[in-house]
Amino acid sequence: MSVYTEKEVLSDALSAQKACTELFNKASNECVHENVRESLLDILEEEHEIQQDVFCMMHEKGMYPTPEADEKKVQQLKQMYSECVK
């Protein structure tokens, strides 16, 4: 009998949520009927919240470490993407 570690279970859950959000995003982008599209977008938002919860849980437990962002690079990216929106 295999016993999965907490990290393995959470990693699997995070991977599943990432796949789920990709599929709901694609479905909502390709949906012709506005009421169905709105429902898909509502579900997509809920799935993103679940994904964020799992990620935060892993991050807080040290299972998904992320390096601190270099402030100069952050500012450069903000500038670059703000120009794309104009």
Protein backbone atom coordinates (compact mmCIF):
# COMPACT_ATOMS: atom_id res chain seq x y z
CA MET A 1 0.00 0.00 0.00
CA SER A 2 1.41 3.38 -1.05
CA VAL A 3 1.03 6.34 1.20
CA TYR A 4 1.36 9.69 -0.48
CA THR A 5 3.06 12.57 1.28
CA GLU A 6 1.26 15.83 1.86
CA LYS A 7 3.54 17.46 -0.70
CA GLU A 8 2.66 14.83 -3.33
CA VAL A 9 -1.07 15.26 -2.71
CA LEU A 10 -0.87 19.06 -2.85
CA SER A 11 1.37 19.00 -5.93
CA ASP A 12 -1.13 16.77 -7.67
CA ALA A 13 -3.99 19.06 -6.64
CA LEU A 14 -2.11 22.11 -7.93
CA SER A 15 -1.38 20.40 -11.25
CA ALA A 16 -5.03 19.42 -11.58
CA GLN A 17 -6.17 22.98 -10.87
CA LYS A 18 -3.75 24.39 -13.43
CA ALA A 19 -5.09 21.98 -16.06
CA CYS A 20 -8.68 22.75 -15.07
CA THR A 21 -8.24 26.52 -15.38
CA GLU A 22 -6.60 26.08 -18.78
CA LEU A 23 -9.58 24.09 -20.03
CA PHE A 24 -12.21 26.47 -18.64
CA ASN A 25 -10.29 29.43 -20.05
CA LYS A 26 -10.19 27.86 -23.50
CA ALA A 27 -13.86 26.92 -23.34
CA SER A 28 -14.90 30.43 -22.31
CA ASN A 29 -12.77 31.99 -25.06
CA GLU A 30 -14.40 29.80 -27.70
CA CYS A 31 -17.97 30.01 -26.44
CA VAL A 32 -20.54 31.58 -28.74
CA HIS A 33 -23.44 31.81 -26.27
CA GLU A 34 -23.00 34.70 -23.85
CA ASN A 35 -24.94 33.14 -20.96
CA VAL A 36 -22.88 29.95 -21.18
CA ARG A 37 -19.69 32.02 -21.46
CA GLU A 38 -20.59 33.94 -18.30
CA SER A 39 -21.19 30.68 -16.45
CA LEU A 40 -17.83 29.35 -17.62
CA LEU A 41 -16.14 32.55 -16.48
CA ASP A 42 -17.77 32.25 -13.06
CA ILE A 43 -16.50 28.69 -12.75
CA LEU A 44 -13.07 29.77 -14.00
CA GLU A 45 -12.87 32.40 -11.27
CA GLU A 46 -13.74 29.80 -8.62
CA GLU A 47 -11.13 27.41 -10.00
CA HIS A 48 -8.49 30.17 -9.90
CA GLU A 49 -9.35 30.78 -6.25
CA ILE A 50 -8.92 27.08 -5.47
CA GLN A 51 -5.62 27.06 -7.36
CA GLN A 52 -4.45 30.09 -5.35
CA ASP A 53 -5.47 28.42 -2.08
CA VAL A 54 -3.48 25.28 -2.89
CA PHE A 55 -0.49 27.32 -4.03
CA CYS A 56 -0.53 29.45 -0.87
CA MET A 57 -0.80 26.36 1.32
CA MET A 58 2.21 24.82 -0.40
CA HIS A 59 4.16 28.07 -0.29
CA GLU A 60 3.47 28.61 3.42
CA LYS A 61 4.62 25.05 4.19
CA GLY A 62 7.84 25.57 2.23
CA MET A 63 6.77 23.08 -0.45
CA TYR A 64 6.75 25.65 -3.25
CA PRO A 65 9.51 28.16 -2.57
CA THR A 66 9.62 31.27 -4.72
CA PRO A 67 12.55 33.67 -4.85
CA GLU A 68 12.05 37.34 -4.09
CA ALA A 69 11.60 39.40 -7.23
CA ASP A 70 14.26 41.94 -8.07
CA GLU A 71 12.54 45.33 -7.73
CA LYS A 72 14.33 46.73 -10.79
CA LYS A 73 13.04 43.84 -12.93
CA VAL A 74 9.53 44.29 -11.54
CA GLN A 75 9.54 47.95 -12.54
CA GLN A 76 10.88 47.12 -16.00
CA LEU A 77 8.12 44.58 -16.56
CA LYS A 78 5.45 46.99 -15.32
CA GLN A 79 6.73 49.60 -17.75
CA MET A 80 6.91 47.15 -20.63
CA TYR A 81 3.40 45.80 -20.12
CA SER A 82 1.84 49.18 -19.39
CA GLU A 83 3.01 50.28 -22.85
CA CYS A 84 1.25 47.26 -24.40
CA VAL A 85 -2.09 48.35 -22.98
CA LYS A 86 -1.97 51.94 -24.22
